[in-house]
Amino acid sequence: MRPMLPLCALVLAATAAAAADKPMTAAEFDAYSQGKTLYYAIGGQPYGAETYLPDHRVIWAFLGEACKRGTWYESQGRICFVYEGEGDGPQCWTFFSGATGLKAHFEGDPQAADLIEVKQSDRPLVCPGPRVGV
């Protein structure tokens, strides 16, 4: 039995690595993200956060900027986001689930660095209102 343990460990590691390389489906992404606020970084630097609501609704904010409301949908295996007031069309990402959280690759720029989930919360983003009297 002893020789089987290293083999089993290798098989499990290979299976986990293969699963991490497989893009998440829309159903998997929804199950993972709904009801959470996920915080993302690029290259180890804070980037932004997004709250995932029912019915594919989202609230996104770049670090230190105002919140934007939007929705997401699945298209050709990618998760595409459309935000209010953004006329550039959808922003599509491929999401992968790993041992430490999500990794997201932007489909519009193959050279772009991936977003890496660094934190999650069950609290929504705090979106301050407009500056009154200014």
Protein backbone atom coordinates (compact mmCIF):
# COMPACT_ATOMS: atom_id res chain seq x y z
CA MET A 1 0.00 0.00 0.00
CA ARG A 2 2.81 2.43 0.75
CA PRO A 3 3.93 2.90 -2.89
CA MET A 4 0.39 4.00 -3.84
CA LEU A 5 0.43 7.11 -1.61
CA PRO A 6 2.86 9.12 -3.78
CA LEU A 7 0.95 8.07 -6.89
CA CYS A 8 -2.37 9.13 -5.35
CA ALA A 9 -0.86 12.47 -4.33
CA LEU A 10 0.37 13.06 -7.89
CA VAL A 11 -3.03 12.18 -9.36
CA LEU A 12 -4.82 14.52 -6.95
CA ALA A 13 -2.37 17.35 -7.68
CA ALA A 14 -2.76 16.85 -11.44
CA THR A 15 -6.55 16.80 -11.12
CA ALA A 16 -6.52 20.03 -9.08
CA ALA A 17 -4.20 21.72 -11.59
CA ALA A 18 -6.41 20.67 -14.52
CA ALA A 19 -9.50 22.02 -12.75
CA ALA A 20 -7.74 25.35 -12.11
CA ASP A 21 -6.96 25.65 -15.85
CA LYS A 22 -10.58 25.05 -16.85
CA PRO A 23 -12.66 28.23 -17.22
CA MET A 24 -15.63 28.55 -14.91
CA THR A 25 -19.09 28.22 -16.41
CA ALA A 26 -21.66 30.96 -15.83
CA ALA A 27 -23.42 28.72 -13.30
CA GLU A 28 -20.16 28.07 -11.43
CA PHE A 29 -19.28 31.77 -11.44
CA ASP A 30 -22.76 32.72 -10.18
CA ALA A 31 -22.66 30.09 -7.42
CA TYR A 32 -19.22 31.26 -6.30
CA SER A 33 -19.76 35.02 -6.44
CA GLN A 34 -23.43 35.77 -5.66
CA GLY A 35 -23.92 37.55 -2.35
CA LYS A 36 -20.24 38.39 -2.00
CA THR A 37 -17.99 41.36 -2.52
CA LEU A 38 -14.73 40.29 -4.07
CA TYR A 39 -11.60 42.42 -3.91
CA TYR A 40 -9.08 42.17 -6.75
CA ALA A 41 -5.42 43.01 -7.28
CA ILE A 42 -3.17 43.14 -10.36
CA GLY A 43 0.49 42.36 -9.89
CA GLY A 44 0.04 42.41 -6.12
CA GLN A 45 -1.40 45.95 -6.15
CA PRO A 46 -5.03 46.66 -5.09
CA TYR A 47 -7.19 47.25 -8.16
CA GLY A 48 -10.90 47.29 -7.31
CA ALA A 49 -13.86 45.45 -5.85
CA GLU A 50 -17.20 44.14 -7.06
CA THR A 51 -20.39 43.15 -5.25
CA TYR A 52 -22.32 40.35 -6.95
CA LEU A 53 -26.08 40.58 -6.51
CA PRO A 54 -29.01 38.35 -7.56
CA ASP A 55 -30.13 38.34 -11.20
CA HIS A 56 -26.57 38.91 -12.48
CA ARG A 57 -26.45 42.48 -11.15
CA VAL A 58 -23.14 43.95 -9.94
CA ILE A 59 -21.65 47.04 -8.35
CA TRP A 60 -18.01 47.72 -9.32
CA ALA A 61 -15.52 50.30 -8.05
CA PHE A 62 -11.91 50.87 -9.01
CA LEU A 63 -9.80 51.56 -5.94
CA GLY A 64 -10.67 55.06 -4.71
CA GLU A 65 -13.27 55.78 -7.42
CA ALA A 66 -17.06 55.98 -7.58
CA CYS A 67 -19.20 52.85 -7.84
CA LYS A 68 -20.74 51.76 -11.13
CA ARG A 69 -23.80 49.55 -11.40
CA GLY A 70 -24.03 46.91 -14.06
CA THR A 71 -25.01 43.43 -15.10
CA TRP A 72 -23.18 40.36 -16.35
CA TYR A 73 -24.02 37.60 -18.81
CA GLU A 74 -22.33 34.59 -20.37
CA SER A 75 -21.14 34.75 -23.97
CA GLN A 76 -19.09 32.02 -25.64
CA GLY A 77 -17.84 30.72 -22.30
CA ARG A 78 -16.83 34.15 -21.03
CA ILE A 79 -18.42 36.34 -18.35
CA CYS A 80 -19.24 39.73 -19.88
CA PHE A 81 -20.02 42.88 -17.89
CA VAL A 82 -21.92 45.98 -18.99
CA TYR A 83 -21.92 49.03 -16.71
CA GLU A 84 -24.26 52.03 -16.65
CA GLY A 85 -22.73 55.03 -18.37
CA GLU A 86 -20.04 52.97 -20.13
CA GLY A 87 -20.46 53.24 -23.89
CA ASP A 88 -17.54 50.99 -24.77
CA GLY A 89 -19.64 47.83 -24.87
CA PRO A 90 -19.20 44.69 -22.81
CA GLN A 91 -16.01 43.80 -20.98
CA CYS A 92 -15.54 40.03 -21.17
CA TRP A 93 -13.42 37.93 -18.84
CA THR A 94 -12.57 34.29 -18.41
CA PHE A 95 -12.70 33.28 -14.74
CA PHE A 96 -10.78 30.43 -13.16
CA SER A 97 -11.22 29.09 -9.64
CA GLY A 98 -8.12 28.16 -7.69
CA ALA A 99 -7.20 27.15 -4.17
CA THR A 100 -6.81 30.79 -3.12
CA GLY A 101 -9.76 32.29 -5.02
CA LEU A 102 -10.61 33.58 -8.46
CA LYS A 103 -8.32 34.57 -11.28
CA ALA A 104 -9.82 36.60 -14.14
CA HIS A 105 -8.28 37.09 -17.58
CA PHE A 106 -9.51 40.01 -19.70
CA GLU A 107 -10.38 38.84 -23.19
CA GLY A 108 -9.92 42.20 -24.92
CA ASP A 109 -6.15 42.34 -24.35
CA PRO A 110 -4.06 39.14 -24.39
CA GLN A 111 -1.13 41.03 -22.79
CA ALA A 112 -3.22 42.26 -19.85
CA ALA A 113 -2.28 41.05 -16.38
CA ASP A 114 -4.85 38.86 -14.66
CA LEU A 115 -7.05 40.07 -11.83
CA ILE A 116 -6.48 37.99 -8.71
CA GLU A 117 -9.02 37.74 -5.89
CA VAL A 118 -7.30 38.82 -2.68
CA LYS A 119 -10.23 39.12 -0.28
CA GLN A 120 -13.95 38.49 -0.06
CA SER A 121 -16.69 39.80 2.18
CA ASP A 122 -20.39 39.22 2.67
CA ARG A 123 -20.88 42.99 3.00
CA PRO A 124 -21.72 45.15 -0.02
CA LEU A 125 -19.42 47.87 -1.30
CA VAL A 126 -19.72 51.20 0.43
CA CYS A 127 -20.67 53.66 -2.29
CA PRO A 128 -20.69 57.25 -1.04
CA GLY A 129 -23.30 59.56 -2.50
CA PRO A 130 -22.54 62.56 -4.69
CA ARG A 131 -20.84 65.51 -3.09
CA VAL A 132 -23.70 67.79 -2.07
CA GLY A 133 -23.16 71.55 -2.32
CA VAL A 134 -20.03 71.35 -4.44
